[in-house]
Amino acid sequence: MEKQQLETYLKDIPKPAPEAPATQDALRLTLMNAKLSSRVGTLLIVLPGLLVLAFFLQNTLHVLPGLTRWFGAEVTWIPLPLRTVLLFLFLVGFPFIAVLMNLLAIIHYRFNPLRKELTIVVRMKWKNILIAVAGAALAAFYILHLLADTILSKN
């Protein structure tokens, strides 16, 4: 090789890029604390669950007969559409928030900008998984109850 060709060849060779240090290789992110989210999630599931249990006991065993009467008569200062929305948010929104909080607590996100990839890792925290499943079941129970009530009332 001639000197000029060698210079041209050396100019055209791509420059090596240094490798990223191991600490900056991936960004690991946990969005919530698992212990705190399990406590708050339990509260967000227990409160609507107690209300559903009270209505169930009243309708099947005729225990707590004044609960429905109180909802129907004593809370008339709140308009019916607003009362319906508030009850729906309480019975579906609270468990749904508990599900989201607990899923965010057990899922880790890792983003590697060099390789442009996102890795999702689920930690097996059984308390958080149980709360997420219970919240989803409670919200699904109430939504399916509303759907069945709507379908059966049309017939």
N, C-alpha and C. Protein backbone atom coordinates (compact mmCIF):
# COMPACT_ATOMS: atom_id res chain seq x y z
N MET A 1 0.84 -1.17 0.00
CA MET A 1 0.00 0.00 0.00
C MET A 1 0.89 1.24 0.00
N GLU A 2 0.46 2.19 -0.76
CA GLU A 2 1.21 3.43 -0.79
C GLU A 2 0.85 4.28 0.41
N LYS A 3 1.65 5.25 0.67
CA LYS A 3 1.44 6.11 1.81
C LYS A 3 0.14 6.89 1.70
N GLN A 4 -0.19 7.38 0.52
CA GLN A 4 -1.44 8.15 0.32
C GLN A 4 -2.66 7.24 0.49
N GLN A 5 -2.60 6.05 -0.03
CA GLN A 5 -3.70 5.11 0.14
C GLN A 5 -3.88 4.73 1.61
N LEU A 6 -2.78 4.57 2.30
CA LEU A 6 -2.84 4.24 3.72
C LEU A 6 -3.46 5.38 4.51
N GLU A 7 -3.11 6.61 4.19
CA GLU A 7 -3.71 7.77 4.87
C GLU A 7 -5.21 7.84 4.59
N THR A 8 -5.62 7.61 3.37
CA THR A 8 -7.04 7.62 3.00
C THR A 8 -7.78 6.50 3.73
N TYR A 9 -7.16 5.34 3.78
CA TYR A 9 -7.77 4.20 4.46
C TYR A 9 -7.94 4.48 5.96
N LEU A 10 -6.93 5.06 6.57
CA LEU A 10 -6.99 5.37 8.00
C LEU A 10 -8.01 6.47 8.30
N LYS A 11 -8.21 7.41 7.38
CA LYS A 11 -9.21 8.47 7.59
C LYS A 11 -10.63 7.90 7.51
N ASP A 12 -10.83 6.89 6.69
CA ASP A 12 -12.17 6.33 6.48
C ASP A 12 -12.57 5.29 7.53
N ILE A 13 -11.64 4.83 8.34
CA ILE A 13 -11.98 3.84 9.36
C ILE A 13 -12.84 4.52 10.43
N PRO A 14 -13.99 3.91 10.80
CA PRO A 14 -14.81 4.53 11.85
C PRO A 14 -14.09 4.50 13.18
N LYS A 15 -14.27 5.57 13.93
CA LYS A 15 -13.62 5.69 15.24
C LYS A 15 -14.34 4.78 16.23
N PRO A 16 -13.61 4.08 17.08
CA PRO A 16 -14.27 3.21 18.07
C PRO A 16 -14.94 4.04 19.16
N ALA A 17 -16.12 3.59 19.56
CA ALA A 17 -16.86 4.27 20.62
C ALA A 17 -16.61 3.53 21.93
N PRO A 18 -16.37 4.27 23.00
CA PRO A 18 -16.15 3.59 24.28
C PRO A 18 -17.44 2.93 24.77
N GLU A 19 -17.27 1.81 25.43
CA GLU A 19 -18.44 1.11 25.97
C GLU A 19 -18.95 1.86 27.20
N ALA A 20 -20.27 1.78 27.39
CA ALA A 20 -20.88 2.43 28.55
C ALA A 20 -20.50 1.68 29.82
N PRO A 21 -20.28 2.39 30.91
CA PRO A 21 -20.01 1.69 32.17
C PRO A 21 -21.20 0.84 32.58
N ALA A 22 -20.94 -0.15 33.40
CA ALA A 22 -22.01 -1.08 33.80
C ALA A 22 -23.12 -0.39 34.57
N THR A 23 -22.79 0.68 35.30
CA THR A 23 -23.82 1.35 36.08
C THR A 23 -24.76 2.17 35.21
N GLN A 24 -24.29 2.61 34.06
CA GLN A 24 -25.13 3.41 33.18
C GLN A 24 -25.70 2.60 32.02
N ASP A 25 -25.49 1.30 32.05
CA ASP A 25 -25.96 0.45 30.96
C ASP A 25 -27.47 0.42 30.89
N ALA A 26 -28.14 0.44 32.02
CA ALA A 26 -29.60 0.35 32.03
C ALA A 26 -30.16 1.23 33.13
N LEU A 27 -31.27 1.83 32.85
CA LEU A 27 -31.99 2.62 33.84
C LEU A 27 -33.05 1.72 34.44
N ARG A 28 -32.96 1.48 35.73
CA ARG A 28 -33.92 0.61 36.41
C ARG A 28 -34.84 1.48 37.22
N LEU A 29 -36.13 1.28 37.05
CA LEU A 29 -37.10 2.17 37.67
C LEU A 29 -38.20 1.36 38.34
N THR A 30 -38.40 1.60 39.62
CA THR A 30 -39.55 1.07 40.35
C THR A 30 -40.43 2.26 40.67
N LEU A 31 -41.68 2.20 40.30
CA LEU A 31 -42.53 3.37 40.42
C LEU A 31 -43.13 3.54 41.81
N MET A 32 -43.29 2.46 42.57
CA MET A 32 -43.90 2.58 43.89
C MET A 32 -43.25 1.60 44.86
N ASN A 33 -43.41 1.87 46.14
CA ASN A 33 -42.93 1.00 47.19
C ASN A 33 -43.94 -0.14 47.38
N ALA A 34 -43.45 -1.38 47.43
CA ALA A 34 -44.35 -2.54 47.50
C ALA A 34 -45.10 -2.61 48.83
N LYS A 35 -44.43 -2.29 49.92
CA LYS A 35 -45.08 -2.41 51.23
C LYS A 35 -46.16 -1.34 51.41
N LEU A 36 -45.87 -0.11 51.03
CA LEU A 36 -46.85 0.97 51.15
C LEU A 36 -48.04 0.74 50.22
N SER A 37 -47.77 0.30 49.00
CA SER A 37 -48.87 0.08 48.06
C SER A 37 -49.75 -1.08 48.50
N SER A 38 -49.17 -2.08 49.18
CA SER A 38 -50.02 -3.18 49.65
C SER A 38 -50.93 -2.71 50.79
N ARG A 39 -50.43 -1.82 51.64
CA ARG A 39 -51.27 -1.31 52.73
C ARG A 39 -52.39 -0.42 52.19
N VAL A 40 -52.04 0.49 51.32
CA VAL A 40 -53.06 1.39 50.75
C VAL A 40 -54.03 0.59 49.88
N GLY A 41 -53.51 -0.36 49.12
CA GLY A 41 -54.36 -1.20 48.28
C GLY A 41 -55.34 -2.02 49.09
N THR A 42 -54.89 -2.53 50.24
CA THR A 42 -55.79 -3.27 51.12
C THR A 42 -56.94 -2.38 51.59
N LEU A 43 -56.61 -1.16 51.97
CA LEU A 43 -57.65 -0.22 52.41
C LEU A 43 -58.62 0.10 51.27
N LEU A 44 -58.07 0.28 50.06
CA LEU A 44 -58.91 0.61 48.91
C LEU A 44 -59.79 -0.55 48.46
N ILE A 45 -59.48 -1.76 48.90
CA ILE A 45 -60.30 -2.91 48.56
C ILE A 45 -61.27 -3.25 49.69
N VAL A 46 -60.82 -3.09 50.93
CA VAL A 46 -61.65 -3.46 52.08
C VAL A 46 -62.88 -2.56 52.20
N LEU A 47 -62.70 -1.25 51.99
CA LEU A 47 -63.84 -0.34 52.14
C LEU A 47 -64.98 -0.65 51.16
N PRO A 48 -64.74 -0.75 49.85
CA PRO A 48 -65.84 -1.14 48.96
C PRO A 48 -66.31 -2.57 49.20
N GLY A 49 -65.38 -3.46 49.61
CA GLY A 49 -65.76 -4.83 49.88
C GLY A 49 -66.73 -4.93 51.05
N LEU A 50 -66.53 -4.11 52.07
CA LEU A 50 -67.46 -4.10 53.19
C LEU A 50 -68.84 -3.61 52.77
N LEU A 51 -68.89 -2.62 51.91
CA LEU A 51 -70.18 -2.13 51.42
C LEU A 51 -70.89 -3.20 50.59
N VAL A 52 -70.16 -3.87 49.72
CA VAL A 52 -70.76 -4.95 48.93
C VAL A 52 -71.22 -6.07 49.84
N LEU A 53 -70.42 -6.42 50.85
CA LEU A 53 -70.81 -7.46 51.80
C LEU A 53 -72.06 -7.06 52.58
N ALA A 54 -72.15 -5.79 52.97
CA ALA A 54 -73.34 -5.32 53.70
C ALA A 54 -74.59 -5.41 52.83
N PHE A 55 -74.49 -5.00 51.57
CA PHE A 55 -75.63 -5.12 50.66
C PHE A 55 -76.00 -6.58 50.42
N PHE A 56 -74.99 -7.44 50.30
CA PHE A 56 -75.25 -8.86 50.09
C PHE A 56 -75.94 -9.47 51.29
N LEU A 57 -75.46 -9.15 52.50
CA LEU A 57 -76.10 -9.68 53.71
C LEU A 57 -77.52 -9.16 53.87
N GLN A 58 -77.73 -7.92 53.49
CA GLN A 58 -79.06 -7.35 53.63
C GLN A 58 -80.04 -8.00 52.65
N ASN A 59 -79.59 -8.27 51.43
CA ASN A 59 -80.49 -8.84 50.43
C ASN A 59 -80.71 -10.34 50.60
N THR A 60 -79.73 -11.06 51.13
CA THR A 60 -79.91 -12.50 51.26
C THR A 60 -80.41 -12.90 52.65
N LEU A 61 -79.82 -12.35 53.70
CA LEU A 61 -80.18 -12.76 55.05
C LEU A 61 -81.04 -11.73 55.78
N HIS A 62 -81.34 -10.64 55.13
CA HIS A 62 -82.14 -9.56 55.69
C HIS A 62 -81.52 -9.01 56.98
N VAL A 63 -80.19 -8.91 56.96
CA VAL A 63 -79.43 -8.29 58.05
C VAL A 63 -79.15 -6.84 57.63
N LEU A 64 -79.08 -5.94 58.56
CA LEU A 64 -78.86 -4.51 58.29
C LEU A 64 -79.92 -3.94 57.33
N PRO A 65 -81.19 -3.98 57.70
CA PRO A 65 -82.23 -3.53 56.77
C PRO A 65 -82.22 -2.02 56.53
N GLY A 66 -81.62 -1.25 57.39
CA GLY A 66 -81.66 0.20 57.23
C GLY A 66 -80.63 0.75 56.26
N LEU A 67 -79.70 -0.10 55.79
CA LEU A 67 -78.64 0.40 54.92
C LEU A 67 -79.18 0.89 53.58
N THR A 68 -80.01 0.11 52.95
CA THR A 68 -80.58 0.53 51.67
C THR A 68 -81.53 1.71 51.86
N ARG A 69 -82.28 1.69 52.95
CA ARG A 69 -83.19 2.80 53.24
C ARG A 69 -82.39 4.09 53.44
N TRP A 70 -81.24 3.99 54.11
CA TRP A 70 -80.41 5.17 54.33
C TRP A 70 -79.86 5.70 53.01
N PHE A 71 -79.42 4.79 52.14
CA PHE A 71 -78.93 5.23 50.82
C PHE A 71 -80.04 5.84 49.99
N GLY A 72 -81.24 5.32 50.14
CA GLY A 72 -82.35 5.82 49.34
C GLY A 72 -82.97 7.10 49.86
N ALA A 73 -83.03 7.28 51.17
CA ALA A 73 -83.78 8.41 51.73
C ALA A 73 -82.91 9.48 52.36
N GLU A 74 -81.90 9.10 53.11
CA GLU A 74 -81.13 10.07 53.90
C GLU A 74 -80.12 10.85 53.07
N VAL A 75 -79.77 10.37 51.92
CA VAL A 75 -78.76 11.04 51.11
C VAL A 75 -79.42 11.74 49.92
N THR A 76 -80.65 12.19 50.10
CA THR A 76 -81.36 12.81 48.98
C THR A 76 -80.85 14.20 48.64
N TRP A 77 -80.04 14.79 49.51
CA TRP A 77 -79.49 16.11 49.20
C TRP A 77 -78.46 16.02 48.08
N ILE A 78 -77.96 14.81 47.79
CA ILE A 78 -77.08 14.61 46.63
C ILE A 78 -77.96 14.17 45.47
N PRO A 79 -77.87 14.84 44.32
CA PRO A 79 -78.68 14.42 43.17
C PRO A 79 -78.38 12.97 42.77
N LEU A 80 -79.38 12.29 42.25
CA LEU A 80 -79.25 10.88 41.93
C LEU A 80 -78.12 10.59 40.93
N PRO A 81 -77.96 11.37 39.84
CA PRO A 81 -76.83 11.06 38.93
C PRO A 81 -75.47 11.19 39.62
N LEU A 82 -75.31 12.19 40.45
CA LEU A 82 -74.05 12.36 41.17
C LEU A 82 -73.84 11.24 42.17
N ARG A 83 -74.90 10.84 42.85
CA ARG A 83 -74.83 9.72 43.79
C ARG A 83 -74.43 8.43 43.08
N THR A 84 -74.96 8.24 41.89
CA THR A 84 -74.63 7.05 41.10
C THR A 84 -73.16 7.06 40.70
N VAL A 85 -72.68 8.21 40.25
CA VAL A 85 -71.27 8.32 39.84
C VAL A 85 -70.35 8.12 41.04
N LEU A 86 -70.69 8.71 42.18
CA LEU A 86 -69.86 8.56 43.37
C LEU A 86 -69.82 7.10 43.84
N LEU A 87 -70.95 6.43 43.81
CA LEU A 87 -70.99 5.02 44.20
C LEU A 87 -70.18 4.16 43.23
N PHE A 88 -70.27 4.47 41.94
CA PHE A 88 -69.50 3.73 40.95
C PHE A 88 -68.00 3.95 41.16
N LEU A 89 -67.60 5.20 41.41
CA LEU A 89 -66.19 5.48 41.66
C LEU A 89 -65.71 4.78 42.93
N PHE A 90 -66.56 4.70 43.94
CA PHE A 90 -66.20 4.03 45.17
C PHE A 90 -66.07 2.53 44.97
N LEU A 91 -67.03 1.93 44.27
CA LEU A 91 -67.04 0.47 44.13
C LEU A 91 -66.16 -0.06 43.01
N VAL A 92 -65.85 0.76 42.01
CA VAL A 92 -65.00 0.31 40.91
C VAL A 92 -63.68 1.08 40.88
N GLY A 93 -63.73 2.36 41.14
CA GLY A 93 -62.52 3.18 41.06
C GLY A 93 -61.50 2.84 42.13
N PHE A 94 -61.94 2.67 43.37
CA PHE A 94 -61.02 2.34 44.45
C PHE A 94 -60.29 1.01 44.20
N PRO A 95 -61.00 -0.08 43.86
CA PRO A 95 -60.27 -1.32 43.57
C PRO A 95 -59.37 -1.20 42.34
N PHE A 96 -59.79 -0.43 41.35
CA PHE A 96 -58.96 -0.26 40.16
C PHE A 96 -57.67 0.50 40.50
N ILE A 97 -57.77 1.50 41.36
CA ILE A 97 -56.57 2.22 41.80
C ILE A 97 -55.66 1.28 42.59
N ALA A 98 -56.25 0.41 43.41
CA ALA A 98 -55.46 -0.57 44.16
C ALA A 98 -54.73 -1.53 43.22
N VAL A 99 -55.39 -1.94 42.16
CA VAL A 99 -54.76 -2.82 41.17
C VAL A 99 -53.57 -2.11 40.52
N LEU A 100 -53.78 -0.88 40.08
CA LEU A 100 -52.70 -0.14 39.43
C LEU A 100 -51.52 0.09 40.37
N MET A 101 -51.81 0.49 41.60
CA MET A 101 -50.74 0.74 42.57
C MET A 101 -49.91 -0.51 42.83
N ASN A 102 -50.56 -1.63 43.00
CA ASN A 102 -49.83 -2.85 43.31
C ASN A 102 -49.10 -3.41 42.11
N LEU A 103 -49.63 -3.24 40.92
CA LEU A 103 -48.90 -3.67 39.74
C LEU A 103 -47.68 -2.79 39.49
N LEU A 104 -47.81 -1.50 39.73
CA LEU A 104 -46.66 -0.61 39.57
C LEU A 104 -45.58 -0.89 40.62
N ALA A 105 -45.97 -1.44 41.76
CA ALA A 105 -45.01 -1.73 42.82
C ALA A 105 -44.20 -2.99 42.54
N ILE A 106 -44.75 -3.93 41.81
CA ILE A 106 -44.03 -5.19 41.58
C ILE A 106 -43.40 -5.27 40.20
N ILE A 107 -43.65 -4.31 39.36
CA ILE A 107 -43.09 -4.33 38.02
C ILE A 107 -41.93 -3.34 37.95
N HIS A 108 -40.78 -3.82 37.48
CA HIS A 108 -39.61 -2.98 37.28
C HIS A 108 -39.42 -2.76 35.79
N TYR A 109 -39.09 -1.54 35.45
CA TYR A 109 -38.84 -1.20 34.06
C TYR A 109 -37.37 -0.88 33.89
N ARG A 110 -36.75 -1.48 32.91
CA ARG A 110 -35.35 -1.19 32.59
C ARG A 110 -35.29 -0.73 31.15
N PHE A 111 -34.69 0.43 30.95
CA PHE A 111 -34.55 0.95 29.60
C PHE A 111 -33.07 1.08 29.29
N ASN A 112 -32.65 0.45 28.21
CA ASN A 112 -31.27 0.54 27.76
C ASN A 112 -31.24 1.44 26.54
N PRO A 113 -30.74 2.68 26.69
CA PRO A 113 -30.78 3.61 25.56
C PRO A 113 -29.81 3.24 24.44
N LEU A 114 -28.74 2.54 24.76
CA LEU A 114 -27.79 2.16 23.72
C LEU A 114 -28.39 1.13 22.78
N ARG A 115 -29.07 0.16 23.35
CA ARG A 115 -29.68 -0.89 22.52
C ARG A 115 -31.13 -0.58 22.19
N LYS A 116 -31.65 0.49 22.78
CA LYS A 116 -33.04 0.93 22.57
C LYS A 116 -34.02 -0.20 22.85
N GLU A 117 -33.95 -0.72 24.06
CA GLU A 117 -34.86 -1.79 24.46
C GLU A 117 -35.40 -1.53 25.85
N LEU A 118 -36.60 -1.97 26.06
CA LEU A 118 -37.29 -1.85 27.34
C LEU A 118 -37.51 -3.25 27.88
N THR A 119 -37.04 -3.49 29.10
CA THR A 119 -37.21 -4.78 29.74
C THR A 119 -38.14 -4.60 30.92
N ILE A 120 -39.17 -5.44 30.99
CA ILE A 120 -40.13 -5.39 32.09
C ILE A 120 -39.96 -6.64 32.92
N VAL A 121 -39.69 -6.45 34.22
CA VAL A 121 -39.47 -7.56 35.14
C VAL A 121 -40.54 -7.50 36.22
N VAL A 122 -41.20 -8.63 36.47
CA VAL A 122 -42.22 -8.71 37.50
C VAL A 122 -41.63 -9.45 38.70
N ARG A 123 -41.59 -8.78 39.85
CA ARG A 123 -41.13 -9.43 41.07
C ARG A 123 -42.30 -10.19 41.68
N MET A 124 -42.02 -11.31 42.25
CA MET A 124 -43.07 -12.15 42.83
C MET A 124 -43.31 -11.76 44.28
N LYS A 125 -44.03 -10.68 44.48
CA LYS A 125 -44.48 -10.26 45.81
C LYS A 125 -45.93 -10.72 45.92
N TRP A 126 -46.15 -11.82 46.63
CA TRP A 126 -47.45 -12.47 46.63
C TRP A 126 -48.54 -11.61 47.25
N LYS A 127 -48.19 -10.81 48.23
CA LYS A 127 -49.20 -9.94 48.85
C LYS A 127 -49.72 -8.93 47.83
N ASN A 128 -48.82 -8.33 47.06
CA ASN A 128 -49.24 -7.36 46.05
C ASN A 128 -50.02 -8.02 44.91
N ILE A 129 -49.61 -9.21 44.54
CA ILE A 129 -50.33 -9.93 43.47
C ILE A 129 -51.73 -10.29 43.95
N LEU A 130 -51.86 -10.75 45.19
CA LEU A 130 -53.17 -11.10 45.73
C LEU A 130 -54.08 -9.88 45.82
N ILE A 131 -53.54 -8.75 46.23
CA ILE A 131 -54.34 -7.52 46.30
C ILE A 131 -54.77 -7.08 44.91
N ALA A 132 -53.89 -7.19 43.93
CA ALA A 132 -54.25 -6.82 42.55
C ALA A 132 -55.35 -7.73 42.01
N VAL A 133 -55.27 -9.02 42.29
CA VAL A 133 -56.30 -9.95 41.82
C VAL A 133 -57.62 -9.68 42.53
N ALA A 134 -57.57 -9.44 43.84
CA ALA A 134 -58.80 -9.17 44.60
C ALA A 134 -59.45 -7.87 44.13
N GLY A 135 -58.66 -6.84 43.87
CA GLY A 135 -59.21 -5.58 43.37
C GLY A 135 -59.84 -5.73 42.00
N ALA A 136 -59.17 -6.48 41.13
CA ALA A 136 -59.75 -6.72 39.81
C ALA A 136 -61.04 -7.53 39.90
N ALA A 137 -61.06 -8.50 40.81
CA ALA A 137 -62.28 -9.31 40.98
C ALA A 137 -63.43 -8.48 41.53
N LEU A 138 -63.15 -7.61 42.49
CA LEU A 138 -64.21 -6.77 43.07
C LEU A 138 -64.76 -5.79 42.03
N ALA A 139 -63.88 -5.16 41.27
CA ALA A 139 -64.34 -4.23 40.23
C ALA A 139 -65.12 -4.97 39.15
N ALA A 140 -64.62 -6.15 38.75
CA ALA A 140 -65.32 -6.94 37.73
C ALA A 140 -66.67 -7.42 38.23
N PHE A 141 -66.74 -7.80 39.51
CA PHE A 141 -68.00 -8.24 40.09
C PHE A 141 -69.06 -7.14 39.99
N TYR A 142 -68.71 -5.93 40.36
CA TYR A 142 -69.69 -4.84 40.34
C TYR A 142 -70.06 -4.47 38.90
N ILE A 143 -69.09 -4.44 38.01
CA ILE A 143 -69.39 -4.10 36.61
C ILE A 143 -70.29 -5.17 35.99
N LEU A 144 -69.99 -6.45 36.25
CA LEU A 144 -70.84 -7.52 35.72
C LEU A 144 -72.23 -7.49 36.34
N HIS A 145 -72.33 -7.10 37.61
CA HIS A 145 -73.63 -6.95 38.25
C HIS A 145 -74.44 -5.85 37.56
N LEU A 146 -73.79 -4.73 37.26
CA LEU A 146 -74.49 -3.65 36.56
C LEU A 146 -74.93 -4.08 35.17
N LEU A 147 -74.07 -4.80 34.46
CA LEU A 147 -74.44 -5.28 33.12
C LEU A 147 -75.61 -6.25 33.19
N ALA A 148 -75.56 -7.19 34.11
CA ALA A 148 -76.66 -8.15 34.24
C ALA A 148 -77.95 -7.46 34.64
N ASP A 149 -77.87 -6.50 35.53
CA ASP A 149 -79.05 -5.77 35.96
C ASP A 149 -79.64 -4.97 34.80
N THR A 150 -78.79 -4.38 33.99
CA THR A 150 -79.26 -3.62 32.83
C THR A 150 -79.90 -4.52 31.79
N ILE A 151 -79.27 -5.67 31.53
CA ILE A 151 -79.82 -6.59 30.53
C ILE A 151 -81.13 -7.20 31.02
N LEU A 152 -81.20 -7.58 32.29
CA LEU A 152 -82.42 -8.21 32.80
C LEU A 152 -83.57 -7.20 32.97
N SER A 153 -83.26 -5.95 33.19
CA SER A 153 -84.32 -4.96 33.37
C SER A 153 -84.99 -4.61 32.03
N LYS A 154 -84.32 -4.85 30.92
CA LYS A 154 -84.91 -4.58 29.61
C LYS A 154 -85.89 -5.65 29.17
N ASN A 155 -85.78 -6.83 29.75
CA ASN A 155 -86.66 -7.94 29.34
C ASN A 155 -87.94 -7.95 30.12
